[in-house]
Amino acid sequence: ADKGWKQACEDDPHLLNGLNVHAGQLTYYA
C-alpha cells in the first residue's frame, strides 16, 4: 500500500516471489 506493488516487489525479492499473475500473463513457473 505504501509503495505500490511494483516498488514493493522491486525492493523485496521475497515479495516478488509471490507474484503469480500480472496484466493477463502468468508469472509463476510451477
PDB file of all heavy atoms in Angstrom:
ATOM      1  N   ALA A   1       0.816  -1.206   0.000  1.00  0.00           N
ATOM      2  CA  ALA A   1       0.000   0.000   0.000  1.00  0.00           C
ATOM      3  C   ALA A   1       0.857   1.267   0.000  1.00  0.00           C
ATOM      4  O   ALA A   1       0.558   2.234  -0.698  1.00  0.00           O
ATOM      5  CB  ALA A   1      -0.933  -0.009   1.211  1.00  0.00           C
ATOM      6  N   ASP A   2       1.923   1.251   0.777  1.00  0.00           N
ATOM      7  CA  ASP A   2       2.774   2.441   0.894  1.00  0.00           C
ATOM      8  C   ASP A   2       3.540   2.734  -0.389  1.00  0.00           C
ATOM      9  O   ASP A   2       3.692   3.902  -0.793  1.00  0.00           O
ATOM     10  CB  ASP A   2       3.783   2.259   2.038  1.00  0.00           C
ATOM     11  CG  ASP A   2       3.150   2.270   3.415  1.00  0.00           C
ATOM     12  OD1 ASP A   2       1.960   2.640   3.516  1.00  0.00           O
ATOM     13  OD2 ASP A   2       3.834   1.891   4.380  1.00  0.00           O
ATOM     14  N   LYS A   3       4.039   1.677  -1.040  1.00  0.00           N
ATOM     15  CA  LYS A   3       4.954   1.863  -2.166  1.00  0.00           C
ATOM     16  C   LYS A   3       4.321   1.585  -3.523  1.00  0.00           C
ATOM     17  O   LYS A   3       4.898   1.963  -4.559  1.00  0.00           O
ATOM     18  CB  LYS A   3       6.159   0.932  -2.008  1.00  0.00           C
ATOM     19  CG  LYS A   3       6.969   1.136  -0.742  1.00  0.00           C
ATOM     20  CD  LYS A   3       8.100   0.106  -0.666  1.00  0.00           C
ATOM     21  CE  LYS A   3       8.941   0.264   0.583  1.00  0.00           C
ATOM     22  NZ  LYS A   3      10.028  -0.752   0.649  1.00  0.00           N
ATOM     23  N   GLY A   4       3.181   0.908  -3.533  1.00  0.00           N
ATOM     24  CA  GLY A   4       2.682   0.355  -4.785  1.00  0.00           C
ATOM     25  C   GLY A   4       3.352  -0.988  -5.024  1.00  0.00           C
ATOM     26  O   GLY A   4       4.467  -1.236  -4.551  1.00  0.00           O
ATOM     27  N   TRP A   5       2.666  -1.892  -5.764  1.00  0.00           N
ATOM     28  CA  TRP A   5       3.174  -3.262  -5.845  1.00  0.00           C
ATOM     29  C   TRP A   5       4.511  -3.346  -6.562  1.00  0.00           C
ATOM     30  O   TRP A   5       5.377  -4.139  -6.176  1.00  0.00           O
ATOM     31  CB  TRP A   5       2.137  -4.186  -6.503  1.00  0.00           C
ATOM     32  CG  TRP A   5       2.051  -4.086  -8.002  1.00  0.00           C
ATOM     33  CD1 TRP A   5       1.221  -3.304  -8.729  1.00  0.00           C
ATOM     34  CD2 TRP A   5       2.843  -4.812  -8.951  1.00  0.00           C
ATOM     35  NE1 TRP A   5       1.431  -3.471 -10.069  1.00  0.00           N
ATOM     36  CE2 TRP A   5       2.412  -4.402 -10.231  1.00  0.00           C
ATOM     37  CE3 TRP A   5       3.848  -5.762  -8.848  1.00  0.00           C
ATOM     38  CZ2 TRP A   5       2.972  -4.906 -11.410  1.00  0.00           C
ATOM     39  CZ3 TRP A   5       4.413  -6.263 -10.011  1.00  0.00           C
ATOM     40  CH2 TRP A   5       3.977  -5.839 -11.273  1.00  0.00           C
ATOM     41  N   LYS A   6       4.737  -2.511  -7.585  1.00  0.00           N
ATOM     42  CA  LYS A   6       5.991  -2.622  -8.333  1.00  0.00           C
ATOM     43  C   LYS A   6       7.190  -2.257  -7.471  1.00  0.00           C
ATOM     44  O   LYS A   6       8.187  -2.983  -7.432  1.00  0.00           O
ATOM     45  CB  LYS A   6       5.946  -1.755  -9.594  1.00  0.00           C
ATOM     46  CG  LYS A   6       5.113  -2.343 -10.715  1.00  0.00           C
ATOM     47  CD  LYS A   6       5.322  -1.584 -12.009  1.00  0.00           C
ATOM     48  CE  LYS A   6       4.569  -2.244 -13.155  1.00  0.00           C
ATOM     49  NZ  LYS A   6       4.785  -1.570 -14.442  1.00  0.00           N
ATOM     50  N   GLN A   7       7.102  -1.113  -6.787  1.00  0.00           N
ATOM     51  CA  GLN A   7       8.229  -0.692  -5.958  1.00  0.00           C
ATOM     52  C   GLN A   7       8.433  -1.633  -4.788  1.00  0.00           C
ATOM     53  O   GLN A   7       9.566  -1.973  -4.429  1.00  0.00           O
ATOM     54  CB  GLN A   7       8.006   0.731  -5.444  1.00  0.00           C
ATOM     55  CG  GLN A   7       9.245   1.325  -4.750  1.00  0.00           C
ATOM     56  CD  GLN A   7      10.430   1.439  -5.700  1.00  0.00           C
ATOM     57  OE1 GLN A   7      10.311   2.017  -6.775  1.00  0.00           O
ATOM     58  NE2 GLN A   7      11.570   0.872  -5.309  1.00  0.00           N
ATOM     59  N   ALA A   8       7.323  -2.102  -4.201  1.00  0.00           N
ATOM     60  CA  ALA A   8       7.425  -3.029  -3.068  1.00  0.00           C
ATOM     61  C   ALA A   8       8.102  -4.326  -3.488  1.00  0.00           C
ATOM     62  O   ALA A   8       8.954  -4.863  -2.770  1.00  0.00           O
ATOM     63  CB  ALA A   8       6.041  -3.315  -2.497  1.00  0.00           C
ATOM     64  N   CYS A   9       7.749  -4.830  -4.675  1.00  0.00           N
ATOM     65  CA  CYS A   9       8.353  -6.076  -5.161  1.00  0.00           C
ATOM     66  C   CYS A   9       9.784  -5.867  -5.630  1.00  0.00           C
ATOM     67  O   CYS A   9      10.624  -6.762  -5.496  1.00  0.00           O
ATOM     68  CB  CYS A   9       7.509  -6.660  -6.296  1.00  0.00           C
ATOM     69  SG  CYS A   9       5.939  -7.384  -5.756  1.00  0.00           S
ATOM     70  N   GLU A  10      10.062  -4.690  -6.150  1.00  0.00           N
ATOM     71  CA  GLU A  10      11.439  -4.398  -6.565  1.00  0.00           C
ATOM     72  C   GLU A  10      12.358  -4.312  -5.353  1.00  0.00           C
ATOM     73  O   GLU A  10      13.509  -4.762  -5.391  1.00  0.00           O
ATOM     74  CB  GLU A  10      11.478  -3.081  -7.343  1.00  0.00           C
ATOM     75  CG  GLU A  10      12.814  -2.820  -8.026  1.00  0.00           C
ATOM     76  CD  GLU A  10      12.754  -1.637  -8.978  1.00  0.00           C
ATOM     77  OE1 GLU A  10      11.708  -1.424  -9.609  1.00  0.00           O
ATOM     78  OE2 GLU A  10      13.776  -0.918  -9.071  1.00  0.00           O
ATOM     79  N   ASP A  11      11.830  -3.781  -4.252  1.00  0.00           N
ATOM     80  CA  ASP A  11      12.619  -3.647  -3.030  1.00  0.00           C
ATOM     81  C   ASP A  11      12.761  -4.973  -2.281  1.00  0.00           C
ATOM     82  O   ASP A  11      13.689  -5.139  -1.485  1.00  0.00           O
ATOM     83  CB  ASP A  11      11.971  -2.621  -2.091  1.00  0.00           C
ATOM     84  CG  ASP A  11      12.069  -1.195  -2.629  1.00  0.00           C
ATOM     85  OD1 ASP A  11      12.826  -0.964  -3.593  1.00  0.00           O
ATOM     86  OD2 ASP A  11      11.355  -0.328  -2.088  1.00  0.00           O
ATOM     87  N   ASP A  12      11.827  -5.896  -2.503  1.00  0.00           N
ATOM     88  CA  ASP A  12      11.800  -7.144  -1.738  1.00  0.00           C
ATOM     89  C   ASP A  12      11.625  -8.331  -2.683  1.00  0.00           C
ATOM     90  O   ASP A  12      10.508  -8.646  -3.092  1.00  0.00           O
ATOM     91  CB  ASP A  12      10.657  -7.110  -0.721  1.00  0.00           C
ATOM     92  CG  ASP A  12      10.625  -8.344   0.176  1.00  0.00           C
ATOM     93  OD1 ASP A  12      11.440  -9.270  -0.038  1.00  0.00           O
ATOM     94  OD2 ASP A  12       9.777  -8.383   1.099  1.00  0.00           O
ATOM     95  N   PRO A  13      12.714  -9.010  -3.043  1.00  0.00           N
ATOM     96  CA  PRO A  13      12.599 -10.147  -3.957  1.00  0.00           C
ATOM     97  C   PRO A  13      11.746 -11.281  -3.400  1.00  0.00           C
ATOM     98  O   PRO A  13      11.197 -12.082  -4.164  1.00  0.00           O
ATOM     99  CB  PRO A  13      14.050 -10.595  -4.160  1.00  0.00           C
ATOM    100  CG  PRO A  13      14.803 -10.051  -2.975  1.00  0.00           C
ATOM    101  CD  PRO A  13      14.111  -8.774  -2.626  1.00  0.00           C
ATOM    102  N   HIS A  14      11.621 -11.356  -2.081  1.00  0.00           N
ATOM    103  CA  HIS A  14      10.777 -12.399  -1.486  1.00  0.00           C
ATOM    104  C   HIS A  14       9.295 -12.122  -1.749  1.00  0.00           C
ATOM    105  O   HIS A  14       8.513 -13.042  -1.983  1.00  0.00           O
ATOM    106  CB  HIS A  14      11.044 -12.501   0.013  1.00  0.00           C
ATOM    107  CG  HIS A  14      12.442 -12.911   0.335  1.00  0.00           C
ATOM    108  ND1 HIS A  14      12.964 -14.127  -0.049  1.00  0.00           N
ATOM    109  CD2 HIS A  14      13.447 -12.267   0.984  1.00  0.00           C
ATOM    110  CE1 HIS A  14      14.215 -14.223   0.359  1.00  0.00           C
ATOM    111  NE2 HIS A  14      14.535 -13.108   0.973  1.00  0.00           N
ATOM    112  N   LEU A  15       8.929 -10.851  -1.721  1.00  0.00           N
ATOM    113  CA  LEU A  15       7.560 -10.482  -2.083  1.00  0.00           C
ATOM    114  C   LEU A  15       7.327 -10.701  -3.573  1.00  0.00           C
ATOM    115  O   LEU A  15       6.253 -11.149  -3.990  1.00  0.00           O
ATOM    116  CB  LEU A  15       7.288  -9.028  -1.694  1.00  0.00           C
ATOM    117  CG  LEU A  15       5.881  -8.489  -1.987  1.00  0.00           C
ATOM    118  CD1 LEU A  15       4.816  -9.323  -1.295  1.00  0.00           C
ATOM    119  CD2 LEU A  15       5.783  -7.021  -1.563  1.00  0.00           C
ATOM    120  N   LEU A  16       8.336 -10.419  -4.377  1.00  0.00           N
ATOM    121  CA  LEU A  16       8.226 -10.653  -5.823  1.00  0.00           C
ATOM    122  C   LEU A  16       7.949 -12.124  -6.131  1.00  0.00           C
ATOM    123  O   LEU A  16       7.249 -12.441  -7.095  1.00  0.00           O
ATOM    124  CB  LEU A  16       9.512 -10.200  -6.524  1.00  0.00           C
ATOM    125  CG  LEU A  16       9.554 -10.354  -8.050  1.00  0.00           C
ATOM    126  CD1 LEU A  16       8.439  -9.560  -8.722  1.00  0.00           C
ATOM    127  CD2 LEU A  16      10.920  -9.918  -8.587  1.00  0.00           C
ATOM    128  N   ASN A  17       8.468 -13.021  -5.305  1.00  0.00           N
ATOM    129  CA  ASN A  17       8.183 -14.446  -5.498  1.00  0.00           C
ATOM    130  C   ASN A  17       6.705 -14.769  -5.335  1.00  0.00           C
ATOM    131  O   ASN A  17       6.238 -15.819  -5.781  1.00  0.00           O
ATOM    132  CB  ASN A  17       9.000 -15.285  -4.514  1.00  0.00           C
ATOM    133  CG  ASN A  17      10.470 -15.339  -4.876  1.00  0.00           C
ATOM    134  OD1 ASN A  17      10.832 -15.185  -6.029  1.00  0.00           O
ATOM    135  ND2 ASN A  17      11.318 -15.550  -3.885  1.00  0.00           N
ATOM    136  N   GLY A  18       5.969 -13.867  -4.707  1.00  0.00           N
ATOM    137  CA  GLY A  18       4.530 -14.059  -4.553  1.00  0.00           C
ATOM    138  C   GLY A  18       3.735 -13.690  -5.789  1.00  0.00           C
ATOM    139  O   GLY A  18       2.553 -14.050  -5.900  1.00  0.00           O
ATOM    140  N   LEU A  19       4.357 -12.982  -6.725  1.00  0.00           N
ATOM    141  CA  LEU A  19       3.638 -12.558  -7.931  1.00  0.00           C
ATOM    142  C   LEU A  19       3.310 -13.772  -8.800  1.00  0.00           C
ATOM    143  O   LEU A  19       4.205 -14.479  -9.250  1.00  0.00           O
ATOM    144  CB  LEU A  19       4.487 -11.550  -8.707  1.00  0.00           C
ATOM    145  CG  LEU A  19       3.809 -10.914  -9.923  1.00  0.00           C
ATOM    146  CD1 LEU A  19       2.644 -10.020  -9.491  1.00  0.00           C
ATOM    147  CD2 LEU A  19       4.831 -10.094 -10.727  1.00  0.00           C
ATOM    148  N   ASN A  20       2.038 -14.018  -9.015  1.00  0.00           N
ATOM    149  CA  ASN A  20       1.593 -15.149  -9.829  1.00  0.00           C
ATOM    150  C   ASN A  20       0.977 -14.720 -11.150  1.00  0.00           C
ATOM    151  O   ASN A  20       1.070 -15.434 -12.143  1.00  0.00           O
ATOM    152  CB  ASN A  20       0.573 -15.998  -9.069  1.00  0.00           C
ATOM    153  CG  ASN A  20       1.182 -16.987  -8.096  1.00  0.00           C
ATOM    154  OD1 ASN A  20       0.720 -18.109  -7.941  1.00  0.00           O
ATOM    155  ND2 ASN A  20       2.252 -16.576  -7.402  1.00  0.00           N
ATOM    156  N   VAL A  21       0.325 -13.560 -11.157  1.00  0.00           N
ATOM    157  CA  VAL A  21      -0.385 -13.084 -12.350  1.00  0.00           C
ATOM    158  C   VAL A  21      -0.199 -11.584 -12.466  1.00  0.00           C
ATOM    159  O   VAL A  21      -0.278 -10.852 -11.465  1.00  0.00           O
ATOM    160  CB  VAL A  21      -1.901 -13.407 -12.258  1.00  0.00           C
ATOM    161  CG1 VAL A  21      -2.672 -12.750 -13.398  1.00  0.00           C
ATOM    162  CG2 VAL A  21      -2.142 -14.913 -12.258  1.00  0.00           C
ATOM    163  N   HIS A  22       0.039 -11.107 -13.693  1.00  0.00           N
ATOM    164  CA  HIS A  22       0.080  -9.664 -13.935  1.00  0.00           C
ATOM    165  C   HIS A  22      -0.367  -9.360 -15.363  1.00  0.00           C
ATOM    166  O   HIS A  22       0.185  -9.914 -16.326  1.00  0.00           O
ATOM    167  CB  HIS A  22       1.488  -9.099 -13.720  1.00  0.00           C
ATOM    168  CG  HIS A  22       1.613  -7.654 -14.145  1.00  0.00           C
ATOM    169  ND1 HIS A  22       0.884  -6.656 -13.548  1.00  0.00           N
ATOM    170  CD2 HIS A  22       2.356  -7.064 -15.121  1.00  0.00           C
ATOM    171  CE1 HIS A  22       1.189  -5.500 -14.140  1.00  0.00           C
ATOM    172  NE2 HIS A  22       2.070  -5.721 -15.082  1.00  0.00           N
ATOM    173  N   ALA A  23      -1.380  -8.516 -15.459  1.00  0.00           N
ATOM    174  CA  ALA A  23      -1.821  -7.976 -16.754  1.00  0.00           C
ATOM    175  C   ALA A  23      -2.008  -9.050 -17.822  1.00  0.00           C
ATOM    176  O   ALA A  23      -1.530  -8.926 -18.946  1.00  0.00           O
ATOM    177  CB  ALA A  23      -0.832  -6.910 -17.236  1.00  0.00           C
ATOM    178  N   GLY A  24      -2.682 -10.120 -17.446  1.00  0.00           N
ATOM    179  CA  GLY A  24      -3.002 -11.162 -18.414  1.00  0.00           C
ATOM    180  C   GLY A  24      -1.904 -12.165 -18.661  1.00  0.00           C
ATOM    181  O   GLY A  24      -2.023 -13.005 -19.567  1.00  0.00           O
ATOM    182  N   GLN A  25      -0.840 -12.113 -17.865  1.00  0.00           N
ATOM    183  CA  GLN A  25       0.263 -13.053 -18.046  1.00  0.00           C
ATOM    184  C   GLN A  25       0.566 -13.773 -16.728  1.00  0.00           C
ATOM    185  O   GLN A  25       0.495 -13.181 -15.644  1.00  0.00           O
ATOM    186  CB  GLN A  25       1.515 -12.326 -18.537  1.00  0.00           C
ATOM    187  CG  GLN A  25       1.360 -11.751 -19.942  1.00  0.00           C
ATOM    188  CD  GLN A  25       2.615 -11.038 -20.402  1.00  0.00           C
ATOM    189  OE1 GLN A  25       3.028 -10.045 -19.804  1.00  0.00           O
ATOM    190  NE2 GLN A  25       3.232 -11.544 -21.463  1.00  0.00           N
ATOM    191  N   LEU A  26       0.924 -15.042 -16.848  1.00  0.00           N
ATOM    192  CA  LEU A  26       1.289 -15.851 -15.692  1.00  0.00           C
ATOM    193  C   LEU A  26       2.760 -15.608 -15.377  1.00  0.00           C
ATOM    194  O   LEU A  26       3.600 -15.563 -16.285  1.00  0.00           O
ATOM    195  CB  LEU A  26       1.044 -17.327 -16.006  1.00  0.00           C
ATOM    196  CG  LEU A  26       0.952 -18.298 -14.828  1.00  0.00           C
ATOM    197  CD1 LEU A  26      -0.223 -17.943 -13.921  1.00  0.00           C
ATOM    198  CD2 LEU A  26       0.785 -19.719 -15.350  1.00  0.00           C
ATOM    199  N   THR A  27       3.081 -15.473 -14.092  1.00  0.00           N
ATOM    200  CA  THR A  27       4.448 -15.116 -13.705  1.00  0.00           C
ATOM    201  C   THR A  27       5.052 -16.092 -12.698  1.00  0.00           C
ATOM    202  O   THR A  27       6.051 -15.767 -12.064  1.00  0.00           O
ATOM    203  CB  THR A  27       4.476 -13.701 -13.099  1.00  0.00           C
ATOM    204  OG1 THR A  27       3.594 -13.663 -11.964  1.00  0.00           O
ATOM    205  CG2 THR A  27       4.040 -12.650 -14.111  1.00  0.00           C
ATOM    206  N   TYR A  28       4.425 -17.272 -12.542  1.00  0.00           N
ATOM    207  CA  TYR A  28       4.962 -18.250 -11.586  1.00  0.00           C
ATOM    208  C   TYR A  28       5.159 -19.572 -12.306  1.00  0.00           C
ATOM    209  O   TYR A  28       4.199 -20.199 -12.759  1.00  0.00           O
ATOM    210  CB  TYR A  28       4.033 -18.419 -10.380  1.00  0.00           C
ATOM    211  CG  TYR A  28       4.742 -19.040  -9.194  1.00  0.00           C
ATOM    212  CD1 TYR A  28       5.527 -18.254  -8.353  1.00  0.00           C
ATOM    213  CD2 TYR A  28       4.649 -20.392  -8.935  1.00  0.00           C
ATOM    214  CE1 TYR A  28       6.195 -18.816  -7.265  1.00  0.00           C
ATOM    215  CE2 TYR A  28       5.322 -20.961  -7.854  1.00  0.00           C
ATOM    216  CZ  TYR A  28       6.098 -20.170  -7.027  1.00  0.00           C
ATOM    217  OH  TYR A  28       6.766 -20.720  -5.975  1.00  0.00           O
ATOM    218  N   TYR A  29       6.419 -20.011 -12.370  1.00  0.00           N
ATOM    219  CA  TYR A  29       6.790 -21.146 -13.219  1.00  0.00           C
ATOM    220  C   TYR A  29       6.053 -22.432 -12.858  1.00  0.00           C
ATOM    221  O   TYR A  29       5.570 -23.152 -13.733  1.00  0.00           O
ATOM    222  CB  TYR A  29       8.302 -21.375 -13.151  1.00  0.00           C
ATOM    223  CG  TYR A  29       8.750 -22.614 -13.901  1.00  0.00           C
ATOM    224  CD1 TYR A  29       8.824 -22.619 -15.300  1.00  0.00           C
ATOM    225  CD2 TYR A  29       9.061 -23.792 -13.220  1.00  0.00           C
ATOM    226  CE1 TYR A  29       9.214 -23.756 -15.994  1.00  0.00           C
ATOM    227  CE2 TYR A  29       9.453 -24.933 -13.895  1.00  0.00           C
ATOM    228  CZ  TYR A  29       9.522 -24.910 -15.280  1.00  0.00           C
ATOM    229  OH  TYR A  29       9.889 -26.041 -15.961  1.00  0.00           O
ATOM    230  N   ALA A  30       5.969 -22.750 -11.560  1.00  0.00           N
ATOM    231  CA  ALA A  30       5.370 -24.028 -11.159  1.00  0.00           C
ATOM    232  C   ALA A  30       3.905 -24.115 -11.572  1.00  0.00           C
ATOM    233  O   ALA A  30       3.410 -25.193 -11.915  1.00  0.00           O
ATOM    234  CB  ALA A  30       5.511 -24.223  -9.652  1.00  0.00           C
TER     235      ALA A  30
END
